[in-house]
Protein backbone atom coordinates (compact mmCIF):
# COMPACT_ATOMS: atom_id res chain seq x y z
CA MET A 1 0.00 0.00 0.00
CA ILE A 2 2.83 2.29 0.87
CA LEU A 3 4.47 1.47 -2.39
CA LEU A 4 1.21 2.06 -4.29
CA ALA A 5 0.77 5.43 -2.60
CA ALA A 6 4.28 6.44 -3.46
CA GLU A 7 3.75 5.48 -7.06
CA SER A 8 0.49 7.48 -7.12
CA SER A 9 2.25 10.53 -5.70
CA ASP A 10 4.89 10.29 -8.36
CA VAL A 11 2.17 10.12 -11.02
CA LEU A 12 0.15 13.07 -9.61
CA ALA A 13 3.10 15.30 -8.81
CA PRO A 14 3.38 16.84 -12.29
CA TYR A 15 -0.35 17.55 -12.30
CA LEU A 16 -0.27 19.10 -8.86
CA THR A 17 2.69 21.22 -9.85
CA ALA A 18 0.84 22.35 -12.98
CA LEU A 19 -2.31 23.03 -10.94
CA ILE A 20 -0.40 25.04 -8.40
CA ALA A 21 1.27 26.99 -11.17
CA LEU A 22 -2.09 27.61 -12.83
CA ILE A 23 -3.59 28.78 -9.56
CA GLY A 24 -0.62 31.07 -9.11
CA VAL A 25 -1.05 32.49 -12.57
CA LEU A 26 -4.78 32.98 -12.04
CA LEU A 27 -4.22 34.52 -8.64
CA ALA A 28 -1.54 36.82 -10.00
CA GLY A 29 -3.85 37.75 -12.90
CA TRP A 30 -6.72 38.41 -10.50
CA ILE A 31 -4.52 40.57 -8.31
CA GLN A 32 -3.18 42.41 -11.34
CA GLY A 33 -6.70 42.81 -12.69
CA ARG A 34 -7.84 44.28 -9.39
CA ALA A 35 -4.89 46.61 -9.44
CA ASN A 36 -5.58 47.59 -13.05
CA LEU A 37 -9.27 48.11 -12.24
CA ARG A 38 -8.38 50.31 -9.31
CA GLN A 39 -5.95 52.25 -11.45
CA THR A 40 -8.58 52.57 -14.21
CA LYS A 41 -11.17 53.79 -11.72
CA GLU A 42 -8.71 56.27 -10.28
CA ALA A 43 -7.73 57.42 -13.77
CA ASN A 44 -11.39 57.75 -14.78
CA ALA A 45 -12.20 59.61 -11.57
CA HIS A 46 -9.24 61.92 -12.16
CA SER A 47 -10.32 62.51 -15.76
CA LEU A 48 -13.89 63.15 -14.64
CA ASN A 49 -12.69 65.62 -12.03
CA LEU A 50 -10.57 67.36 -14.66
CA LEU A 51 -13.58 67.55 -16.98
CA ARG A 52 -15.75 68.90 -14.18
CA GLU A 53 -13.12 71.46 -13.27
CA GLN A 54 -12.68 72.41 -16.92
CA PHE A 55 -16.45 72.74 -17.37
CA ALA A 56 -16.71 74.78 -14.18
CA ASN A 57 -13.91 77.08 -15.38
CA GLN A 58 -15.54 77.43 -18.80
CA GLU A 59 -18.92 78.12 -17.22
CA SER A 60 -17.34 80.68 -14.91
CA GLN A 61 -15.64 82.32 -17.88
CA ARG A 62 -18.92 82.36 -19.82
CA GLN A 63 -20.72 83.93 -16.88
CA GLN A 64 -17.95 86.49 -16.51
CA GLN A 65 -18.06 87.25 -20.23
CA ASN A 66 -21.85 87.58 -20.08
CA MET A 67 -21.60 89.92 -17.09
CA GLU A 68 -19.00 92.03 -18.91
CA ALA A 69 -21.16 92.09 -22.06
CA GLU A 70 -24.23 93.13 -20.04
CA ASN A 71 -22.23 95.82 -18.28
CA ALA A 72 -20.96 97.08 -21.65
CA ASP A 73 -24.55 97.23 -22.95
CA ARG A 74 -25.68 99.23 -19.93
CA LEU A 75 -22.71 101.60 -20.05
CA ARG A 76 -23.34 102.30 -23.72
CA VAL A 77 -26.96 103.20 -23.00
CA LEU A 78 -25.89 105.21 -19.95
CA GLU A 79 -23.48 107.26 -22.06
CA TYR A 80 -26.38 108.63 -24.09
CA VAL A 81 -28.86 108.85 -21.20
CA GLU A 82 -26.45 111.08 -19.29
CA LEU A 83 -26.36 113.40 -22.30
CA LEU A 84 -30.13 113.60 -22.51
CA ILE A 85 -31.04 114.18 -18.85
CA PRO A 86 -29.50 117.70 -18.61
CA ARG A 87 -31.19 118.73 -21.88
CA LEU A 88 -34.57 117.58 -20.57
CA GLU A 89 -33.87 119.30 -17.27
CA ASP A 90 -33.20 122.59 -19.07
CA ILE A 91 -36.67 122.41 -20.62
CA ALA A 92 -38.40 121.24 -17.44
CA GLU A 93 -37.07 124.01 -15.19
CA ILE A 94 -38.85 126.81 -17.08
CA GLU A 95 -42.17 127.35 -15.34
CA TYR A 96 -43.45 130.21 -17.50
CA LEU A 97 -43.03 129.51 -21.20
CA ALA A 98 -43.12 133.09 -22.56
CA SER A 99 -40.78 135.97 -23.38
CA ASN A 100 -42.53 138.28 -20.91
CA ASN A 101 -41.36 136.16 -17.99
CA LEU A 102 -40.55 138.40 -15.02
CA ASN A 103 -38.04 135.89 -13.65
CA SER A 104 -34.82 137.07 -15.29
CA ASP A 105 -32.95 133.79 -14.92
CA GLU A 106 -35.86 131.78 -16.26
CA LEU A 107 -36.36 134.28 -19.08
CA GLU A 108 -32.74 133.97 -20.13
CA SER A 109 -33.02 130.19 -20.22
CA PHE A 110 -36.26 130.38 -22.21
CA LEU A 111 -34.81 132.75 -24.82
CA ASN A 112 -31.64 130.66 -25.22
CA LEU A 113 -33.63 127.47 -25.69
CA GLN A 114 -36.04 129.21 -28.03
CA ARG A 115 -33.10 130.44 -30.09
CA TYR A 116 -31.18 127.18 -30.46
CA ILE A 117 -33.92 124.56 -30.46
CA SER A 118 -35.11 125.41 -33.97
CA VAL A 119 -31.69 125.67 -35.68
CA ARG A 120 -31.42 123.21 -38.60
CA ASP A 121 -27.99 124.22 -39.95
CA VAL A 122 -26.04 121.26 -38.60
CA ASP A 123 -22.32 121.37 -37.86
CA PRO A 124 -20.51 117.99 -37.51
CA ALA A 125 -18.20 119.47 -34.87
CA SER A 126 -20.76 121.48 -32.88
CA PRO A 127 -23.93 119.59 -31.91
CA GLN A 128 -24.78 122.14 -29.21
CA LYS A 129 -25.71 124.69 -31.88
CA THR A 130 -28.74 122.67 -32.97
CA LEU A 131 -30.52 121.83 -29.72
CA GLY A 132 -33.70 120.35 -31.18
CA LEU A 133 -31.87 118.07 -33.59
CA ARG A 134 -29.35 117.17 -30.92
CA ILE A 135 -32.07 116.00 -28.54
CA ALA A 136 -33.69 114.02 -31.37
CA PHE A 137 -30.29 112.53 -32.19
CA ILE A 138 -29.64 111.48 -28.56
CA ILE A 139 -33.08 109.88 -28.35
CA PHE A 140 -32.23 107.94 -31.52
CA GLN A 141 -28.89 106.91 -29.99
CA ILE A 142 -30.65 105.56 -26.90
CA ALA A 143 -33.13 103.67 -29.07
CA ALA A 144 -30.29 102.19 -31.15
CA ALA A 145 -28.23 101.22 -28.10
CA LEU A 146 -31.20 99.53 -26.45
CA ARG A 147 -32.04 97.78 -29.73
CA LEU A 148 -28.53 96.31 -29.83
CA ALA A 149 -28.84 95.22 -26.19
CA LEU A 150 -32.25 93.65 -26.84
CA LEU A 151 -30.94 91.74 -29.87
CA ALA A 152 -28.11 90.35 -27.74
CA ARG A 153 -30.71 88.50 -25.64
CA TRP A 154 -30.88 85.87 -28.40
CA THR A 155 -27.12 85.25 -28.39
CA ARG A 156 -26.47 84.70 -24.68
CA PRO A 157 -28.28 84.11 -21.37
CA ILE A 158 -29.04 87.30 -19.44
CA SER A 159 -29.25 87.95 -15.73
CA SER A 160 -32.40 89.08 -13.94
CA GLN A 161 -30.77 92.48 -13.35
CA HIS A 162 -30.14 92.95 -17.07
CA ALA A 163 -33.63 91.72 -17.93
CA ARG A 164 -35.05 94.40 -15.59
CA PHE A 165 -32.85 97.02 -17.24
CA LEU A 166 -34.02 96.04 -20.74
CA ASN A 167 -37.62 95.98 -19.56
CA TYR A 168 -37.48 99.76 -19.11
CA TRP A 169 -37.50 100.10 -22.90
CA GLU A 170 -40.77 98.31 -23.47
CA MET A 171 -42.44 99.49 -20.26
CA ASN A 172 -41.37 103.15 -20.16
CA ILE A 173 -38.99 104.55 -22.77
CA GLU A 174 -40.76 103.43 -25.94
CA PRO A 175 -44.23 104.39 -24.61
CA VAL A 176 -43.22 107.91 -23.54
CA ILE A 177 -41.87 108.48 -27.06
CA CYS A 178 -44.69 106.79 -28.97
CA SER A 179 -47.77 106.24 -26.81
CA GLY A 180 -50.79 108.49 -26.67
CA ARG A 181 -51.46 107.78 -23.00
CA TYR A 182 -49.22 110.65 -21.83
CA PRO A 183 -49.89 114.40 -21.91
CA GLY A 184 -48.87 116.05 -25.17
CA LYS A 185 -48.27 114.57 -28.60
CA GLN A 186 -46.18 111.53 -29.41
CA LEU A 187 -42.66 112.34 -30.57
CA LEU A 188 -42.78 109.46 -33.07
CA TYR A 189 -44.95 106.51 -33.95
CA ARG A 190 -43.58 103.10 -33.04
CA GLU A 191 -42.85 102.20 -36.66
CA GLN A 192 -40.92 105.44 -37.08
CA LEU A 193 -38.92 104.81 -33.91
CA GLU A 194 -38.08 101.33 -35.15
CA ILE A 195 -36.78 102.78 -38.41
CA ALA A 196 -34.76 105.44 -36.60
CA ALA A 197 -33.19 102.89 -34.24
CA GLN A 198 -32.20 100.65 -37.15
CA GLU A 199 -30.82 103.49 -39.26
CA MET A 200 -28.74 104.73 -36.31
CA ILE A 201 -26.72 101.51 -36.10
CA THR A 202 -23.46 101.29 -38.02
CA LEU A 203 -21.06 98.37 -38.54
CA PRO A 204 -17.50 99.59 -39.19
CA GLU A 205 -15.44 97.42 -41.53
CA THR A 206 -12.39 97.80 -39.29
CA THR A 207 -13.94 96.38 -36.11
CA GLN A 208 -17.11 94.61 -37.28
CA ILE A 209 -18.66 95.72 -33.97
CA PRO A 210 -22.05 97.44 -34.33
CA HIS A 211 -22.60 100.69 -32.45
CA PRO A 212 -24.90 103.73 -32.62
CA LEU A 213 -23.75 106.58 -34.85
CA ASN A 214 -21.88 109.45 -33.25
CA TRP A 215 -22.82 113.03 -34.13
CA HIS A 216 -20.22 113.35 -36.90
CA GLU A 217 -21.35 110.08 -38.51
CA PHE A 218 -24.99 111.07 -38.11
CA VAL A 219 -24.51 114.41 -39.87
CA ASN A 220 -22.24 113.27 -42.70
CA ASN A 221 -23.48 109.71 -43.29
CA ARG A 222 -27.18 109.99 -42.52
CA TYR A 223 -28.61 113.48 -42.04
CA ARG A 224 -27.14 114.84 -45.29
CA THR A 225 -27.74 111.68 -47.33
CA ASP A 226 -30.61 109.73 -45.71
CA HIS A 227 -33.82 111.69 -46.19
CA VAL A 228 -35.81 109.25 -44.04
CA LEU A 229 -33.69 109.70 -40.92
CA LYS A 230 -33.46 113.43 -41.56
CA GLU A 231 -37.25 113.68 -41.75
CA LEU A 232 -37.66 111.69 -38.53
CA ALA A 233 -35.15 113.94 -36.76
CA HIS A 234 -37.06 117.01 -37.96
CA PHE A 235 -40.32 115.42 -36.83
CA VAL A 236 -39.00 115.06 -33.26
CA SER A 237 -37.28 118.43 -33.15
CA GLY A 238 -40.48 120.06 -34.43
CA LYS A 239 -42.38 118.70 -31.41
CA LEU A 240 -39.68 120.17 -29.15
CA GLU A 241 -39.73 123.52 -30.95
CA TYR A 242 -43.47 123.78 -30.38
CA ILE A 243 -42.91 124.07 -26.62
CA PHE A 244 -41.23 127.44 -27.24
CA GLU A 245 -43.61 128.77 -29.90
CA GLU A 246 -45.43 131.55 -28.09
CA ASN A 247 -48.14 131.70 -30.73
CA GLY A 248 -49.11 128.12 -29.90
CA SER A 249 -51.56 127.07 -27.23
CA LEU A 250 -49.94 127.39 -23.81
CA ALA A 251 -51.95 124.42 -22.53
CA ASN A 252 -50.68 122.21 -25.35
CA ARG A 253 -47.11 123.43 -24.88
CA LYS A 254 -47.24 122.66 -21.16
CA GLU A 255 -48.50 119.17 -21.99
CA MET A 256 -45.46 118.57 -24.16
CA GLN A 257 -43.22 119.90 -21.42
CA CYS A 258 -44.87 117.43 -19.04
CA ARG A 259 -44.24 114.52 -21.42
CA LEU A 260 -40.55 115.43 -21.57
CA ALA A 261 -40.45 115.69 -17.77
CA ILE A 262 -41.84 112.15 -17.53
CA MET A 263 -39.18 111.07 -20.01
CA GLY A 264 -36.64 112.69 -17.70
CA ILE A 265 -37.94 110.64 -14.76
CA TYR A 266 -37.60 107.47 -16.83
CA MET A 267 -34.09 108.39 -17.90
CA VAL A 268 -33.00 108.96 -14.32
CA ARG A 269 -34.37 105.55 -13.34
CA LEU A 270 -32.63 103.98 -16.34
CA ALA A 271 -29.34 105.64 -15.38
CA GLU A 272 -29.63 104.35 -11.84
CA GLU A 273 -30.43 100.86 -13.12
CA ALA A 274 -27.25 101.07 -15.21
CA GLY A 275 -25.26 101.78 -12.05
CA ALA A 276 -24.94 105.58 -12.19
CA LYS A 277 -25.25 107.46 -8.93
CA GLY A 278 -26.23 111.05 -8.27
CA TRP A 279 -28.95 111.52 -10.86
CA SER A 280 -31.80 111.04 -8.37
CA ARG A 281 -31.45 114.64 -7.21
CA ARG A 282 -32.76 115.67 -10.63
CA LEU A 283 -36.07 113.91 -10.02
CA ASP A 284 -37.65 116.69 -7.97
CA GLY A 285 -37.45 119.12 -10.88
CA PHE A 286 -39.10 116.68 -13.27
CA TRP A 287 -41.80 115.71 -10.77
CA LYS A 288 -42.55 119.40 -10.17
CA VAL A 289 -43.59 119.76 -13.83
CA VAL A 290 -45.59 116.54 -13.76
CA LEU A 291 -47.49 117.47 -10.62
CA ALA A 292 -48.19 121.00 -11.88
CA GLN A 293 -49.71 119.55 -15.04
CA TYR A 294 -51.76 117.07 -13.02
CA ARG A 295 -53.14 119.79 -10.74
CA HIS A 296 -54.02 121.97 -13.72
CA GLU A 297 -55.88 119.13 -15.42
CA ILE A 298 -57.72 118.25 -12.21
CA ALA A 299 -58.71 121.90 -11.74
CA THR A 300 -59.97 122.16 -15.32
CA ASN A 301 -61.61 118.71 -15.30
CA ARG A 302 -59.34 117.47 -18.11
CA TYR A 303 -57.37 114.75 -16.33
CA ASP A 304 -57.83 111.44 -18.21
CA GLY A 305 -55.98 109.09 -15.84
CA TRP A 306 -52.45 109.19 -17.24
CA PHE A 307 -49.69 108.01 -14.91
CA VAL A 308 -45.92 107.66 -14.70
CA PHE A 309 -45.19 104.15 -13.41
CA GLU A 310 -48.55 102.83 -12.26
CA ARG A 311 -52.11 104.03 -12.17
CA GLY A 312 -52.77 106.57 -9.45
CA ASP A 313 -49.09 107.29 -8.70
CA VAL A 314 -49.31 110.95 -9.72
CA ALA A 315 -52.36 111.57 -7.52
CA THR A 316 -50.70 109.73 -4.63
CA ARG A 317 -47.56 111.82 -4.93
CA ALA A 318 -49.55 115.04 -5.20
CA ASN A 319 -51.50 114.19 -2.04
CA GLU A 320 -48.32 113.27 -0.16
CA ILE A 321 -46.82 116.71 -0.71
CA GLY A 322 -50.05 118.58 -0.21
CA GLY A 323 -51.41 118.66 -3.75
């Protein structure tokens, strides 16, 4: 039996050795596979983290670029708004629209505005000489700048702050120019304003960046060659000139002055929304004109319910200050 067992061991030994070797190979392969799997998981996790970090950086860059683009849009609008507010303030501060005004300071302002607001002989280097056309031109610049900002909504996401800023166009700026719900006559019809805004945009070949025309470009490239834009500018400036025509109805002229004062209020709000500080002190002068017109219409039973921001706000403000 011992001999038989020994012979069996000798026979099985090669098989056992092969089995042990196979187990060793399999075990080594399993261990290596586990190691490779761990390394693969670690590599995949590292790659995923890199992708996440890269995406986060790209998203942060996009957000930063969008913020910078929005800020650029607002600053461009603000540039023109800050030119318009003082011009509107000059018109609003004259209480008595006549050349027999006993207030010498107010009379001087009235006569200066009356003199320059109707000038049509444009000078590319001196916009201040043609006040009526200059105001029309600045209004067109604002419309063009806001048009560019509104078109940009379709090319990038916008923040809630920028959406609120752009909303001023549809809610306030466009209506005070075009709507009949305010005192006085519309400066333009909506279709005309749309044409003016489009015609005021230029695309230089050197930069391929659209921007509103400056005064020099407006005079040389549009006013003297584009009869449509010239006619629209004259249409607006004519409405402004009427305020200072003493032969015209004083009631109608005061209504137009009131409309421009409301525009001034909107422009101050728009400037503040764009980040400018210090313009709020101009509001009292504009509101003074608005409230005076409201009281006159109430006294003469002509008030038809017009408002500035929401229905009843003019009456509320008048009552608060003892109107």
